[in-house]
Amino acid sequence: MKLRTDLLAQLRPEDVLESVEAHHHRYKAEPLFSQTGTGSLSSASTSERAHEVARNTALIRKLTQRAAASGKKDSVKS
């Protein structure tokens, strides 16, 4: 899988927030979170992984459309 750095310019804060909200239920803070500032991310189930792939595919499609609408050509070669 290629990293689509050309689409980073099209990424908006609401796109990031949507991703964070989708994973937030898996985050478990340490008992001393206020002191350490750390926590952990619980494992994802198979269905959660499938939803993640679908969300990522939809995000790539959305960013590609934004790039096309802004007049920038897709720089990926087949």
Protein backbone atom coordinates (compact mmCIF):
# COMPACT_ATOMS: atom_id res chain seq x y z
CA MET A 1 0.00 0.00 0.00
CA LYS A 2 1.40 3.38 -0.98
CA LEU A 3 1.34 6.33 1.36
CA ARG A 4 -0.68 9.04 -0.36
CA THR A 5 1.22 12.12 0.79
CA ASP A 6 -0.27 14.06 -2.11
CA LEU A 7 -3.66 13.90 -0.39
CA LEU A 8 -2.45 15.38 2.91
CA ALA A 9 -3.05 18.88 1.58
CA GLN A 10 -6.75 18.01 1.28
CA LEU A 11 -7.08 16.68 4.84
CA ARG A 12 -9.27 18.83 7.09
CA PRO A 13 -9.52 18.92 10.90
CA GLU A 14 -13.02 17.43 10.77
CA ASP A 15 -11.61 14.40 8.90
CA VAL A 16 -9.12 13.81 11.70
CA LEU A 17 -11.80 14.33 14.36
CA GLU A 18 -14.04 11.76 12.68
CA SER A 19 -11.24 9.19 12.83
CA VAL A 20 -10.48 9.98 16.46
CA GLU A 21 -14.13 9.59 17.42
CA ALA A 22 -14.28 6.23 15.66
CA HIS A 23 -11.39 4.88 17.77
CA HIS A 24 -12.13 6.67 21.04
CA HIS A 25 -14.20 3.81 22.52
CA ARG A 26 -11.09 1.58 22.43
CA TYR A 27 -8.90 3.96 24.43
CA LYS A 28 -8.31 3.07 28.09
CA ALA A 29 -6.61 5.67 30.25
CA GLU A 30 -4.20 4.58 32.99
CA PRO A 31 -5.45 5.00 36.56
CA LEU A 32 -3.01 7.89 36.99
CA PHE A 33 -3.77 9.48 33.60
CA SER A 34 -3.74 13.02 35.01
CA GLN A 35 -0.16 12.50 36.18
CA THR A 36 1.27 10.30 33.44
CA GLY A 37 -0.75 11.43 30.43
CA THR A 38 -0.64 7.93 28.99
CA GLY A 39 -3.06 5.14 28.27
CA SER A 40 -3.49 2.24 25.93
CA LEU A 41 -5.56 1.24 22.94
CA SER A 42 -7.39 -2.06 23.28
CA SER A 43 -7.31 -4.57 20.46
CA ALA A 44 -9.81 -4.21 17.66
CA SER A 45 -12.15 -6.99 16.66
CA THR A 46 -12.34 -8.34 13.12
CA SER A 47 -15.49 -6.33 12.44
CA GLU A 48 -13.86 -3.16 13.77
CA ARG A 49 -10.92 -3.73 11.43
CA ALA A 50 -13.33 -4.14 8.51
CA HIS A 51 -15.05 -0.87 9.45
CA GLU A 52 -11.63 0.81 9.69
CA VAL A 53 -10.72 -0.34 6.18
CA ALA A 54 -14.08 0.95 4.89
CA ARG A 55 -13.59 4.33 6.63
CA ASN A 56 -10.05 4.66 5.24
CA THR A 57 -11.21 3.80 1.72
CA ALA A 58 -14.03 6.35 1.98
CA LEU A 59 -11.59 8.99 3.27
CA ILE A 60 -9.18 8.36 0.40
CA ARG A 61 -12.06 8.67 -2.08
CA LYS A 62 -13.23 11.92 -0.42
CA LEU A 63 -9.73 13.43 -0.44
CA THR A 64 -9.22 12.42 -4.07
CA GLN A 65 -12.48 14.15 -5.00
CA ARG A 66 -11.43 17.29 -3.09
CA ALA A 67 -8.11 17.30 -4.94
CA ALA A 68 -9.90 16.97 -8.28
CA ALA A 69 -12.34 19.74 -7.36
CA SER A 70 -9.51 22.06 -6.39
CA GLY A 71 -7.92 21.55 -9.80
CA LYS A 72 -4.94 19.49 -8.70
CA LYS A 73 -4.25 16.40 -10.75
CA ASP A 74 -3.81 13.03 -9.08
CA SER A 75 -0.06 12.39 -9.01
CA VAL A 76 -0.30 8.60 -8.69
CA LYS A 77 0.80 6.59 -11.73
CA SER A 78 -0.79 3.24 -12.54
